Structure formats: C-alpha cells, structure tokens
Amino acid sequence: MGADAKTAMKVEMTESAAKRISKIVRDEPGKIALRVAVEGGGCSGFSYKFDLVDGRNDDDIAIERDGATILIDDMSLIYMGGSVIDFVDDLMGQSFQIRNPNAVASCGCGTSFSI
C-alpha cells in the first residue's frame, strides 16, 4: 500500500473524543476501548455503531490518543478512511460525531450517511 493509500485509510480522534472515551472506559469495569463500526442501514444507507468492548479482534485497527483507544475493523475502515472522530458537547446535547470525507450525504441524527 502506497503512502497516499495509507493516509486515505487513516482515522483520527480529537482531544475531546479521547478525553470522553477515557472517562467512559474508566467508569466501565473490564472495558478497554470504544469500537466504531459501519453497518448497512440507517436513513442514509450506512450507519455508525458505537460499543464499549473488553477486547480486540484480529482485524481491528487501533487509534490511540492520550490513553484512549478506538477500535475499527478493517471492513468499516474502508468506509471511514480520512475521518475524524470527535466528541461534541453543545446546546443540541452530547455525542460522538464522525466527520467523514467519503460521505456525500448524511442525516440529521448524525449517525447515518451515504457514499
């Protein structure tokens, strides 16, 4: 895989997301990371699924920052390459948000997209 392909597959997490993940994992005994997956369905074709997990799978890619870990399986990574995972706390509420450059449309809930 060339340098451009590796960069395109890269997923980043913001400092805000890292802080929130660290806090959530610290409060959940036995959990080690937040898993982010892409599934078929949702109002725009694909949707993101977030789960706390207690272990890694063989095909997981780990994104680490400030002691926080996000796990993404290699199939989901195909749809998420170049994305930034953020945690937002604003008037609309608290949520993890994914800025995905591959998405050509998304829905109001922020968890569904199409490519």
PDB file of N, CA and C in Angstrom:
ATOM      1  N   MET A   1       0.857  -1.176   0.000  1.00  0.00           N
ATOM      2  CA  MET A   1       0.000   0.000   0.000  1.00  0.00           C
ATOM      3  C   MET A   1       0.899   1.234   0.000  1.00  0.00           C
ATOM      4  N   GLY A   2       0.677   2.166  -0.920  1.00  0.00           N
ATOM      5  CA  GLY A   2       1.476   3.372  -1.013  1.00  0.00           C
ATOM      6  C   GLY A   2       1.151   4.368   0.084  1.00  0.00           C
ATOM      7  N   ALA A   3       1.948   5.412   0.197  1.00  0.00           N
ATOM      8  CA  ALA A   3       1.758   6.416   1.245  1.00  0.00           C
ATOM      9  C   ALA A   3       0.397   7.095   1.135  1.00  0.00           C
ATOM     10  N   ASP A   4      -0.054   7.385  -0.098  1.00  0.00           N
ATOM     11  CA  ASP A   4      -1.351   8.034  -0.280  1.00  0.00           C
ATOM     12  C   ASP A   4      -2.485   7.135   0.206  1.00  0.00           C
ATOM     13  N   ALA A   5      -2.390   5.838  -0.075  1.00  0.00           N
ATOM     14  CA  ALA A   5      -3.429   4.895   0.356  1.00  0.00           C
ATOM     15  C   ALA A   5      -3.459   4.793   1.868  1.00  0.00           C
ATOM     16  N   LYS A   6      -2.290   4.768   2.508  1.00  0.00           N
ATOM     17  CA  LYS A   6      -2.240   4.702   3.971  1.00  0.00           C
ATOM     18  C   LYS A   6      -2.835   5.957   4.590  1.00  0.00           C
ATOM     19  N   THR A   7      -2.540   7.120   4.022  1.00  0.00           N
ATOM     20  CA  THR A   7      -3.096   8.371   4.530  1.00  0.00           C
ATOM     21  C   THR A   7      -4.609   8.375   4.367  1.00  0.00           C
ATOM     22  N   ALA A   8      -5.101   7.893   3.243  1.00  0.00           N
ATOM     23  CA  ALA A   8      -6.540   7.870   2.985  1.00  0.00           C
ATOM     24  C   ALA A   8      -7.263   6.952   3.965  1.00  0.00           C
ATOM     25  N   MET A   9      -6.605   5.900   4.452  1.00  0.00           N
ATOM     26  CA  MET A   9      -7.228   4.955   5.372  1.00  0.00           C
ATOM     27  C   MET A   9      -7.121   5.418   6.824  1.00  0.00           C
ATOM     28  N   LYS A  10      -6.380   6.475   7.077  1.00  0.00           N
ATOM     29  CA  LYS A  10      -6.150   6.935   8.442  1.00  0.00           C
ATOM     30  C   LYS A  10      -7.426   7.537   9.039  1.00  0.00           C
ATOM     31  N   VAL A  11      -7.650   7.240  10.307  1.00  0.00           N
ATOM     32  CA  VAL A  11      -8.754   7.838  11.057  1.00  0.00           C
ATOM     33  C   VAL A  11      -8.137   8.506  12.277  1.00  0.00           C
ATOM     34  N   GLU A  12      -8.593   9.706  12.576  1.00  0.00           N
ATOM     35  CA  GLU A  12      -8.063  10.449  13.715  1.00  0.00           C
ATOM     36  C   GLU A  12      -9.134  10.628  14.771  1.00  0.00           C
ATOM     37  N   MET A  13      -8.696  10.823  16.020  1.00  0.00           N
ATOM     38  CA  MET A  13      -9.619  11.179  17.090  1.00  0.00           C
ATOM     39  C   MET A  13      -9.160  12.500  17.680  1.00  0.00           C
ATOM     40  N   THR A  14     -10.116  13.355  18.002  1.00  0.00           N
ATOM     41  CA  THR A  14      -9.793  14.649  18.579  1.00  0.00           C
ATOM     42  C   THR A  14      -9.468  14.496  20.065  1.00  0.00           C
ATOM     43  N   GLU A  15      -8.876  15.531  20.613  1.00  0.00           N
ATOM     44  CA  GLU A  15      -8.573  15.540  22.045  1.00  0.00           C
ATOM     45  C   GLU A  15      -9.865  15.394  22.864  1.00  0.00           C
ATOM     46  N   SER A  16     -10.925  16.052  22.438  1.00  0.00           N
ATOM     47  CA  SER A  16     -12.218  15.970  23.116  1.00  0.00           C
ATOM     48  C   SER A  16     -12.751  14.543  23.141  1.00  0.00           C
ATOM     49  N   ALA A  17     -12.641  13.835  22.009  1.00  0.00           N
ATOM     50  CA  ALA A  17     -13.088  12.443  21.939  1.00  0.00           C
ATOM     51  C   ALA A  17     -12.235  11.566  22.850  1.00  0.00           C
ATOM     52  N   ALA A  18     -10.927  11.793  22.844  1.00  0.00           N
ATOM     53  CA  ALA A  18     -10.028  10.996  23.692  1.00  0.00           C
ATOM     54  C   ALA A  18     -10.374  11.163  25.168  1.00  0.00           C
ATOM     55  N   LYS A  19     -10.628  12.390  25.589  1.00  0.00           N
ATOM     56  CA  LYS A  19     -10.984  12.639  26.992  1.00  0.00           C
ATOM     57  C   LYS A  19     -12.279  11.929  27.362  1.00  0.00           C
ATOM     58  N   ARG A  20     -13.269  11.998  26.502  1.00  0.00           N
ATOM     59  CA  ARG A  20     -14.564  11.369  26.780  1.00  0.00           C
ATOM     60  C   ARG A  20     -14.449   9.845  26.812  1.00  0.00           C
ATOM     61  N   ILE A  21     -13.718   9.284  25.857  1.00  0.00           N
ATOM     62  CA  ILE A  21     -13.533   7.828  25.832  1.00  0.00           C
ATOM     63  C   ILE A  21     -12.804   7.369  27.087  1.00  0.00           C
ATOM     64  N   SER A  22     -11.756   8.077  27.482  1.00  0.00           N
ATOM     65  CA  SER A  22     -11.020   7.721  28.698  1.00  0.00           C
ATOM     66  C   SER A  22     -11.934   7.711  29.909  1.00  0.00           C
ATOM     67  N   LYS A  23     -12.800   8.721  30.022  1.00  0.00           N
ATOM     68  CA  LYS A  23     -13.723   8.797  31.156  1.00  0.00           C
ATOM     69  C   LYS A  23     -14.730   7.643  31.126  1.00  0.00           C
ATOM     70  N   ILE A  24     -15.299   7.363  29.966  1.00  0.00           N
ATOM     71  CA  ILE A  24     -16.291   6.291  29.846  1.00  0.00           C
ATOM     72  C   ILE A  24     -15.672   4.942  30.191  1.00  0.00           C
ATOM     73  N   VAL A  25     -14.493   4.657  29.641  1.00  0.00           N
ATOM     74  CA  VAL A  25     -13.834   3.375  29.874  1.00  0.00           C
ATOM     75  C   VAL A  25     -13.445   3.231  31.352  1.00  0.00           C
ATOM     76  N   ARG A  26     -12.988   4.321  31.948  1.00  0.00           N
ATOM     77  CA  ARG A  26     -12.605   4.311  33.368  1.00  0.00           C
ATOM     78  C   ARG A  26     -13.798   3.951  34.252  1.00  0.00           C
ATOM     79  N   ASP A  27     -14.998   4.393  33.852  1.00  0.00           N
ATOM     80  CA  ASP A  27     -16.215   4.153  34.643  1.00  0.00           C
ATOM     81  C   ASP A  27     -16.878   2.809  34.349  1.00  0.00           C
ATOM     82  N   GLU A  28     -16.361   2.048  33.372  1.00  0.00           N
ATOM     83  CA  GLU A  28     -16.954   0.765  32.984  1.00  0.00           C
ATOM     84  C   GLU A  28     -15.946  -0.358  33.221  1.00  0.00           C
ATOM     85  N   PRO A  29     -16.059  -1.075  34.339  1.00  0.00           N
ATOM     86  CA  PRO A  29     -15.087  -2.137  34.652  1.00  0.00           C
ATOM     87  C   PRO A  29     -14.976  -3.171  33.529  1.00  0.00           C
ATOM     88  N   GLY A  30     -13.741  -3.503  33.162  1.00  0.00           N
ATOM     89  CA  GLY A  30     -13.491  -4.530  32.157  1.00  0.00           C
ATOM     90  C   GLY A  30     -13.460  -4.020  30.730  1.00  0.00           C
ATOM     91  N   LYS A  31     -13.942  -2.827  30.481  1.00  0.00           N
ATOM     92  CA  LYS A  31     -13.951  -2.287  29.112  1.00  0.00           C
ATOM     93  C   LYS A  31     -12.615  -1.606  28.830  1.00  0.00           C
ATOM     94  N   ILE A  32     -12.119  -1.779  27.594  1.00  0.00           N
ATOM     95  CA  ILE A  32     -10.802  -1.229  27.264  1.00  0.00           C
ATOM     96  C   ILE A  32     -10.825  -0.202  26.137  1.00  0.00           C
ATOM     97  N   ALA A  33     -11.910  -0.167  25.351  1.00  0.00           N
ATOM     98  CA  ALA A  33     -11.911   0.703  24.176  1.00  0.00           C
ATOM     99  C   ALA A  33     -13.331   0.949  23.682  1.00  0.00           C
ATOM    100  N   LEU A  34     -13.437   1.955  22.814  1.00  0.00           N
ATOM    101  CA  LEU A  34     -14.684   2.220  22.099  1.00  0.00           C
ATOM    102  C   LEU A  34     -14.543   1.635  20.700  1.00  0.00           C
ATOM    103  N   ARG A  35     -15.475   0.766  20.319  1.00  0.00           N
ATOM    104  CA  ARG A  35     -15.480   0.219  18.963  1.00  0.00           C
ATOM    105  C   ARG A  35     -16.430   1.063  18.118  1.00  0.00           C
ATOM    106  N   VAL A  36     -15.949   1.478  16.944  1.00  0.00           N
ATOM    107  CA  VAL A  36     -16.773   2.180  15.967  1.00  0.00           C
ATOM    108  C   VAL A  36     -16.845   1.285  14.734  1.00  0.00           C
ATOM    109  N   ALA A  37     -18.073   1.004  14.296  1.00  0.00           N
ATOM    110  CA  ALA A  37     -18.269   0.142  13.137  1.00  0.00           C
ATOM    111  C   ALA A  37     -19.249   0.802  12.176  1.00  0.00           C
ATOM    112  N   VAL A  38     -19.155   0.433  10.930  1.00  0.00           N
ATOM    113  CA  VAL A  38     -20.091   0.883   9.905  1.00  0.00           C
ATOM    114  C   VAL A  38     -20.977  -0.302   9.553  1.00  0.00           C
ATOM    115  N   GLU A  39     -22.286  -0.073   9.575  1.00  0.00           N
ATOM    116  CA  GLU A  39     -23.246  -1.121   9.246  1.00  0.00           C
ATOM    117  C   GLU A  39     -24.162  -0.635   8.144  1.00  0.00           C
ATOM    118  N   GLY A  40     -24.703  -1.557   7.381  1.00  0.00           N
ATOM    119  CA  GLY A  40     -25.708  -1.214   6.386  1.00  0.00           C
ATOM    120  C   GLY A  40     -26.991  -0.828   7.098  1.00  0.00           C
ATOM    121  N   GLY A  41     -27.728   0.095   6.517  1.00  0.00           N
ATOM    122  CA  GLY A  41     -28.986   0.537   7.124  1.00  0.00           C
ATOM    123  C   GLY A  41     -28.912   1.997   7.516  1.00  0.00           C
ATOM    124  N   GLY A  42     -29.860   2.434   8.309  1.00  0.00           N
ATOM    125  CA  GLY A  42     -29.930   3.844   8.650  1.00  0.00           C
ATOM    126  C   GLY A  42     -30.672   4.590   7.567  1.00  0.00           C
ATOM    127  N   CYS A  43     -31.038   5.819   7.833  1.00  0.00           N
ATOM    128  CA  CYS A  43     -31.868   6.555   6.888  1.00  0.00           C
ATOM    129  C   CYS A  43     -31.094   7.038   5.664  1.00  0.00           C
ATOM    130  N   SER A  44     -29.750   6.951   5.679  1.00  0.00           N
ATOM    131  CA  SER A  44     -28.975   7.373   4.507  1.00  0.00           C
ATOM    132  C   SER A  44     -28.190   6.247   3.857  1.00  0.00           C
ATOM    133  N   GLY A  45     -28.369   5.007   4.288  1.00  0.00           N
ATOM    134  CA  GLY A  45     -27.704   3.878   3.640  1.00  0.00           C
ATOM    135  C   GLY A  45     -26.724   3.131   4.524  1.00  0.00           C
ATOM    136  N   PHE A  46     -25.911   3.854   5.278  1.00  0.00           N
ATOM    137  CA  PHE A  46     -24.982   3.256   6.226  1.00  0.00           C
ATOM    138  C   PHE A  46     -25.177   3.954   7.560  1.00  0.00           C
ATOM    139  N   SER A  47     -24.818   3.267   8.652  1.00  0.00           N
ATOM    140  CA  SER A  47     -24.886   3.918   9.953  1.00  0.00           C
ATOM    141  C   SER A  47     -23.673   3.527  10.787  1.00  0.00           C
ATOM    142  N   TYR A  48     -23.319   4.388  11.725  1.00  0.00           N
ATOM    143  CA  TYR A  48     -22.223   4.126  12.646  1.00  0.00           C
ATOM    144  C   TYR A  48     -22.776   3.440  13.878  1.00  0.00           C
ATOM    145  N   LYS A  49     -22.022   2.492  14.390  1.00  0.00           N
ATOM    146  CA  LYS A  49     -22.393   1.804  15.619  1.00  0.00           C
ATOM    147  C   LYS A  49     -21.254   1.996  16.610  1.00  0.00           C
ATOM    148  N   PHE A  50     -21.587   2.396  17.836  1.00  0.00           N
ATOM    149  CA  PHE A  50     -20.600   2.620  18.886  1.00  0.00           C
ATOM    150  C   PHE A  50     -20.841   1.616  20.008  1.00  0.00           C
ATOM    151  N   ASP A  51     -19.777   0.923  20.439  1.00  0.00           N
ATOM    152  CA  ASP A  51     -19.878  -0.043  21.534  1.00  0.00           C
ATOM    153  C   ASP A  51     -18.637   0.030  22.402  1.00  0.00           C
ATOM    154  N   LEU A  52     -18.808  -0.159  23.705  1.00  0.00           N
ATOM    155  CA  LEU A  52     -17.670  -0.352  24.591  1.00  0.00           C
ATOM    156  C   LEU A  52     -17.315  -1.831  24.541  1.00  0.00           C
ATOM    157  N   VAL A  53     -16.026  -2.136  24.428  1.00  0.00           N
ATOM    158  CA  VAL A  53     -15.612  -3.531  24.298  1.00  0.00           C
ATOM    159  C   VAL A  53     -14.526  -3.870  25.313  1.00  0.00           C
ATOM    160  N   ASP A  54     -14.403  -5.185  25.566  1.00  0.00           N
ATOM    161  CA  ASP A  54     -13.419  -5.658  26.534  1.00  0.00           C
ATOM    162  C   ASP A  54     -12.224  -6.344  25.883  1.00  0.00           C
ATOM    163  N   GLY A  55     -12.151  -6.326  24.551  1.00  0.00           N
ATOM    164  CA  GLY A  55     -11.018  -6.947  23.873  1.00  0.00           C
ATOM    165  C   GLY A  55     -10.941  -6.542  22.418  1.00  0.00           C
ATOM    166  N   ARG A  56      -9.816  -6.905  21.801  1.00  0.00           N
ATOM    167  CA  ARG A  56      -9.587  -6.595  20.385  1.00  0.00           C
ATOM    168  C   ARG A  56      -9.802  -7.824  19.531  1.00  0.00           C
ATOM    169  N   ASN A  57     -10.234  -7.619  18.301  1.00  0.00           N
ATOM    170  CA  ASN A  57     -10.324  -8.680  17.304  1.00  0.00           C
ATOM    171  C   ASN A  57      -9.069  -8.643  16.440  1.00  0.00           C
ATOM    172  N   ASP A  58      -8.800  -9.746  15.749  1.00  0.00           N
ATOM    173  CA  ASP A  58      -7.601  -9.832  14.917  1.00  0.00           C
ATOM    174  C   ASP A  58      -7.561  -8.786  13.810  1.00  0.00           C
ATOM    175  N   ASP A  59      -8.739  -8.385  13.292  1.00  0.00           N
ATOM    176  CA  ASP A  59      -8.761  -7.437  12.174  1.00  0.00           C
ATOM    177  C   ASP A  59      -8.957  -5.982  12.609  1.00  0.00           C
ATOM    178  N   ASP A  60      -8.844  -5.720  13.908  1.00  0.00           N
ATOM    179  CA  ASP A  60      -9.040  -4.361  14.402  1.00  0.00           C
ATOM    180  C   ASP A  60      -7.836  -3.469  14.136  1.00  0.00           C
ATOM    181  N   ILE A  61      -8.128  -2.237  13.770  1.00  0.00           N
ATOM    182  CA  ILE A  61      -7.133  -1.180  13.701  1.00  0.00           C
ATOM    183  C   ILE A  61      -7.360  -0.334  14.962  1.00  0.00           C
ATOM    184  N   ALA A  62      -6.298  -0.039  15.695  1.00  0.00           N
ATOM    185  CA  ALA A  62      -6.423   0.749  16.921  1.00  0.00           C
ATOM    186  C   ALA A  62      -5.967   2.178  16.656  1.00  0.00           C
ATOM    187  N   ILE A  63      -6.800   3.127  17.058  1.00  0.00           N
ATOM    188  CA  ILE A  63      -6.447   4.541  17.025  1.00  0.00           C
ATOM    189  C   ILE A  63      -6.302   4.950  18.479  1.00  0.00           C
ATOM    190  N   GLU A  64      -5.131   5.450  18.842  1.00  0.00           N
ATOM    191  CA  GLU A  64      -4.862   5.768  20.241  1.00  0.00           C
ATOM    192  C   GLU A  64      -4.467   7.229  20.380  1.00  0.00           C
ATOM    193  N   ARG A  65      -4.931   7.824  21.476  1.00  0.00           N
ATOM    194  CA  ARG A  65      -4.564   9.201  21.794  1.00  0.00           C
ATOM    195  C   ARG A  65      -4.803   9.439  23.281  1.00  0.00           C
ATOM    196  N   ASP A  66      -3.820   9.978  23.960  1.00  0.00           N
ATOM    197  CA  ASP A  66      -3.938  10.365  25.371  1.00  0.00           C
ATOM    198  C   ASP A  66      -4.520   9.251  26.235  1.00  0.00           C
ATOM    199  N   GLY A  67      -4.116   8.013  25.978  1.00  0.00           N
ATOM    200  CA  GLY A  67      -4.584   6.885  26.780  1.00  0.00           C
ATOM    201  C   GLY A  67      -5.934   6.319  26.373  1.00  0.00           C
ATOM    202  N   ALA A  68      -6.575   6.888  25.359  1.00  0.00           N
ATOM    203  CA  ALA A  68      -7.873   6.398  24.881  1.00  0.00           C
ATOM    204  C   ALA A  68      -7.657   5.582  23.617  1.00  0.00           C
ATOM    205  N   THR A  69      -8.493   4.556  23.433  1.00  0.00           N
ATOM    206  CA  THR A  69      -8.376   3.695  22.254  1.00  0.00           C
ATOM    207  C   THR A  69      -9.720   3.558  21.554  1.00  0.00           C
ATOM    208  N   ILE A  70      -9.692   3.720  20.229  1.00  0.00           N
ATOM    209  CA  ILE A  70     -10.847   3.423  19.378  1.00  0.00           C
ATOM    210  C   ILE A  70     -10.431   2.248  18.504  1.00  0.00           C
ATOM    211  N   LEU A  71     -11.298   1.247  18.419  1.00  0.00           N
ATOM    212  CA  LEU A  71     -11.055   0.088  17.555  1.00  0.00           C
ATOM    213  C   LEU A  71     -12.006   0.138  16.368  1.00  0.00           C
ATOM    214  N   ILE A  72     -11.457  -0.099  15.177  1.00  0.00           N
ATOM    215  CA  ILE A  72     -12.255  -0.118  13.948  1.00  0.00           C
ATOM    216  C   ILE A  72     -11.849  -1.362  13.171  1.00  0.00           C
ATOM    217  N   ASP A  73     -12.824  -2.191  12.778  1.00  0.00           N
ATOM    218  CA  ASP A  73     -12.488  -3.373  11.989  1.00  0.00           C
ATOM    219  C   ASP A  73     -12.124  -2.942  10.572  1.00  0.00           C
ATOM    220  N   ASP A  74     -11.364  -3.794   9.894  1.00  0.00           N
ATOM    221  CA  ASP A  74     -10.846  -3.383   8.583  1.00  0.00           C
ATOM    222  C   ASP A  74     -11.934  -3.159   7.539  1.00  0.00           C
ATOM    223  N   MET A  75     -13.068  -3.831   7.635  1.00  0.00           N
ATOM    224  CA  MET A  75     -14.167  -3.591   6.687  1.00  0.00           C
ATOM    225  C   MET A  75     -14.781  -2.200   6.906  1.00  0.00           C
ATOM    226  N   SER A  76     -14.958  -1.804   8.163  1.00  0.00           N
ATOM    227  CA  SER A  76     -15.504  -0.476   8.456  1.00  0.00           C
ATOM    228  C   SER A  76     -14.525   0.613   8.047  1.00  0.00           C
ATOM    229  N   LEU A  77     -13.236   0.327   8.186  1.00  0.00           N
ATOM    230  CA  LEU A  77     -12.214   1.306   7.851  1.00  0.00           C
ATOM    231  C   LEU A  77     -12.294   1.711   6.382  1.00  0.00           C
ATOM    232  N   ILE A  78     -12.721   0.790   5.523  1.00  0.00           N
ATOM    233  CA  ILE A  78     -12.865   1.098   4.095  1.00  0.00           C
ATOM    234  C   ILE A  78     -13.802   2.296   3.908  1.00  0.00           C
ATOM    235  N   TYR A  79     -14.867   2.376   4.708  1.00  0.00           N
ATOM    236  CA  TYR A  79     -15.853   3.451   4.590  1.00  0.00           C
ATOM    237  C   TYR A  79     -15.488   4.681   5.413  1.00  0.00           C
ATOM    238  N   MET A  80     -14.516   4.540   6.317  1.00  0.00           N
ATOM    239  CA  MET A  80     -14.196   5.629   7.242  1.00  0.00           C
ATOM    240  C   MET A  80     -12.842   6.276   7.003  1.00  0.00           C
ATOM    241  N   GLY A  81     -12.091   5.833   5.992  1.00  0.00           N
ATOM    242  CA  GLY A  81     -10.765   6.374   5.747  1.00  0.00           C
ATOM    243  C   GLY A  81     -10.780   7.893   5.631  1.00  0.00           C
ATOM    244  N   GLY A  82      -9.887   8.544   6.345  1.00  0.00           N
ATOM    245  CA  GLY A  82      -9.794  10.002   6.319  1.00  0.00           C
ATOM    246  C   GLY A  82     -10.715  10.698   7.294  1.00  0.00           C
ATOM    247  N   SER A  83     -11.470   9.942   8.090  1.00  0.00           N
ATOM    248  CA  SER A  83     -12.440  10.530   9.017  1.00  0.00           C
ATOM    249  C   SER A  83     -11.771  11.062  10.288  1.00  0.00           C
ATOM    250  N   VAL A  84     -12.488  11.956  10.941  1.00  0.00           N
ATOM    251  CA  VAL A  84     -12.095  12.464  12.253  1.00  0.00           C
ATOM    252  C   VAL A  84     -13.241  12.177  13.209  1.00  0.00           C
ATOM    253  N   ILE A  85     -12.926  11.500  14.324  1.00  0.00           N
ATOM    254  CA  ILE A  85     -13.922  11.189  15.342  1.00  0.00           C
ATOM    255  C   ILE A  85     -13.793  12.225  16.442  1.00  0.00           C
ATOM    256  N   ASP A  86     -14.897  12.894  16.739  1.00  0.00           N
ATOM    257  CA  ASP A  86     -14.915  13.994  17.705  1.00  0.00           C
ATOM    258  C   ASP A  86     -16.001  13.732  18.742  1.00  0.00           C
ATOM    259  N   PHE A  87     -15.890  14.394  19.889  1.00  0.00           N
ATOM    260  CA  PHE A  87     -16.962  14.384  20.878  1.00  0.00           C
ATOM    261  C   PHE A  87     -17.407  15.826  21.050  1.00  0.00           C
ATOM    262  N   VAL A  88     -18.706  16.054  20.864  1.00  0.00           N
ATOM    263  CA  VAL A  88     -19.248  17.410  20.895  1.00  0.00           C
ATOM    264  C   VAL A  88     -20.223  17.528  22.057  1.00  0.00           C
ATOM    265  N   ASP A  89     -20.090  18.607  22.810  1.00  0.00           N
ATOM    266  CA  ASP A  89     -20.984  18.912  23.925  1.00  0.00           C
ATOM    267  C   ASP A  89     -21.488  20.333  23.682  1.00  0.00           C
ATOM    268  N   ASP A  90     -22.714  20.427  23.118  1.00  0.00           N
ATOM    269  CA  ASP A  90     -23.253  21.744  22.793  1.00  0.00           C
ATOM    270  C   ASP A  90     -24.735  21.809  23.166  1.00  0.00           C
ATOM    271  N   LEU A  91     -25.425  22.831  22.717  1.00  0.00           N
ATOM    272  CA  LEU A  91     -26.838  23.009  23.058  1.00  0.00           C
ATOM    273  C   LEU A  91     -27.711  21.859  22.554  1.00  0.00           C
ATOM    274  N   MET A  92     -27.264  21.164  21.511  1.00  0.00           N
ATOM    275  CA  MET A  92     -28.023  20.041  20.970  1.00  0.00           C
ATOM    276  C   MET A  92     -27.796  18.763  21.776  1.00  0.00           C
ATOM    277  N   GLY A  93     -26.818  18.774  22.685  1.00  0.00           N
ATOM    278  CA  GLY A  93     -26.545  17.615  23.515  1.00  0.00           C
ATOM    279  C   GLY A  93     -25.111  17.130  23.349  1.00  0.00           C
ATOM    280  N   GLN A  94     -24.827  15.991  23.960  1.00  0.00           N
ATOM    281  CA  GLN A  94     -23.504  15.396  23.895  1.00  0.00           C
ATOM    282  C   GLN A  94     -23.539  14.207  22.941  1.00  0.00           C
ATOM    283  N   SER A  95     -22.524  14.123  22.071  1.00  0.00           N
ATOM    284  CA  SER A  95     -22.482  12.974  21.165  1.00  0.00           C
ATOM    285  C   SER A  95     -21.114  12.856  20.513  1.00  0.00           C
ATOM    286  N   PHE A  96     -20.805  11.606  20.115  1.00  0.00           N
ATOM    287  CA  PHE A  96     -19.650  11.391  19.259  1.00  0.00           C
ATOM    288  C   PHE A  96     -20.091  11.718  17.843  1.00  0.00           C
ATOM    289  N   GLN A  97     -19.247  12.438  17.112  1.00  0.00           N
ATOM    290  CA  GLN A  97     -19.549  12.782  15.731  1.00  0.00           C
ATOM    291  C   GLN A  97     -18.378  12.375  14.853  1.00  0.00           C
ATOM    292  N   ILE A  98     -18.696  11.912  13.674  1.00  0.00           N
ATOM    293  CA  ILE A  98     -17.663  11.489  12.733  1.00  0.00           C
ATOM    294  C   ILE A  98     -17.744  12.372  11.502  1.00  0.00           C
ATOM    295  N   ARG A  99     -16.644  13.088  11.255  1.00  0.00           N
ATOM    296  CA  ARG A  99     -16.533  13.894  10.035  1.00  0.00           C
ATOM    297  C   ARG A  99     -15.879  13.005   8.994  1.00  0.00           C
ATOM    298  N   ASN A 100     -16.694  12.508   8.065  1.00  0.00           N
ATOM    299  CA  ASN A 100     -16.253  11.519   7.094  1.00  0.00           C
ATOM    300  C   ASN A 100     -16.207  12.146   5.701  1.00  0.00           C
ATOM    301  N   PRO A 101     -15.006  12.303   5.127  1.00  0.00           N
ATOM    302  CA  PRO A 101     -14.904  12.914   3.795  1.00  0.00           C
ATOM    303  C   PRO A 101     -15.495  12.035   2.686  1.00  0.00           C
ATOM    304  N   ASN A 102     -15.757  10.758   2.964  1.00  0.00           N
ATOM    305  CA  ASN A 102     -16.333   9.852   1.976  1.00  0.00           C
ATOM    306  C   ASN A 102     -17.842   9.990   1.869  1.00  0.00           C
ATOM    307  N   ALA A 103     -18.467  10.580   2.879  1.00  0.00           N
ATOM    308  CA  ALA A 103     -19.928  10.690   2.913  1.00  0.00           C
ATOM    309  C   ALA A 103     -20.384  11.811   1.986  1.00  0.00           C
ATOM    310  N   VAL A 104     -21.300  11.489   1.091  1.00  0.00           N
ATOM    311  CA  VAL A 104     -21.840  12.511   0.187  1.00  0.00           C
ATOM    312  C   VAL A 104     -23.159  13.048   0.717  1.00  0.00           C
ATOM    313  N   ALA A 105     -23.743  12.340   1.663  1.00  0.00           N
ATOM    314  CA  ALA A 105     -24.980  12.796   2.300  1.00  0.00           C
ATOM    315  C   ALA A 105     -25.026  12.213   3.692  1.00  0.00           C
ATOM    316  N   SER A 106     -25.664  12.937   4.607  1.00  0.00           N
ATOM    317  CA  SER A 106     -25.846  12.424   5.956  1.00  0.00           C
ATOM    318  C   SER A 106     -27.214  12.875   6.435  1.00  0.00           C
ATOM    319  N   CYS A 107     -27.630  12.320   7.553  1.00  0.00           N
ATOM    320  CA  CYS A 107     -28.957  12.650   8.057  1.00  0.00           C
ATOM    321  C   CYS A 107     -28.837  13.543   9.279  1.00  0.00           C
ATOM    322  N   GLY A 108     -29.949  14.035   9.756  1.00  0.00           N
ATOM    323  CA  GLY A 108     -29.968  14.926  10.903  1.00  0.00           C
ATOM    324  C   GLY A 108     -29.488  14.294  12.188  1.00  0.00           C
ATOM    325  N   CYS A 109     -29.630  12.985  12.320  1.00  0.00           N
ATOM    326  CA  CYS A 109     -29.227  12.327  13.568  1.00  0.00           C
ATOM    327  C   CYS A 109     -27.712  12.220  13.682  1.00  0.00           C
ATOM    328  N   GLY A 110     -26.989  12.354  12.576  1.00  0.00           N
ATOM    329  CA  GLY A 110     -25.542  12.341  12.607  1.00  0.00           C
ATOM    330  C   GLY A 110     -24.922  10.960  12.668  1.00  0.00           C
ATOM    331  N   THR A 111     -25.735   9.901  12.644  1.00  0.00           N
ATOM    332  CA  THR A 111     -25.159   8.560  12.710  1.00  0.00           C
ATOM    333  C   THR A 111     -25.359   7.775  11.425  1.00  0.00           C
ATOM    334  N   SER A 112     -25.960   8.393  10.423  1.00  0.00           N
ATOM    335  CA  SER A 112     -26.248   7.713   9.169  1.00  0.00           C
ATOM    336  C   SER A 112     -25.673   8.523   8.014  1.00  0.00           C
ATOM    337  N   PHE A 113     -25.166   7.824   6.989  1.00  0.00           N
ATOM    338  CA  PHE A 113     -24.556   8.532   5.855  1.00  0.00           C
ATOM    339  C   PHE A 113     -24.629   7.680   4.610  1.00  0.00           C
ATOM    340  N   SER A 114     -24.347   8.291   3.472  1.00  0.00           N
ATOM    341  CA  SER A 114     -24.242   7.543   2.215  1.00  0.00           C
ATOM    342  C   SER A 114     -22.959   7.956   1.509  1.00  0.00           C
ATOM    343  N   ILE A 115     -22.479   7.058   0.629  1.00  0.00           N
ATOM    344  CA  ILE A 115     -21.242   7.350  -0.104  1.00  0.00           C
ATOM    345  C   ILE A 115     -21.484   7.158  -1.597  1.00  0.00           C
TER     346      ILE A 115
END
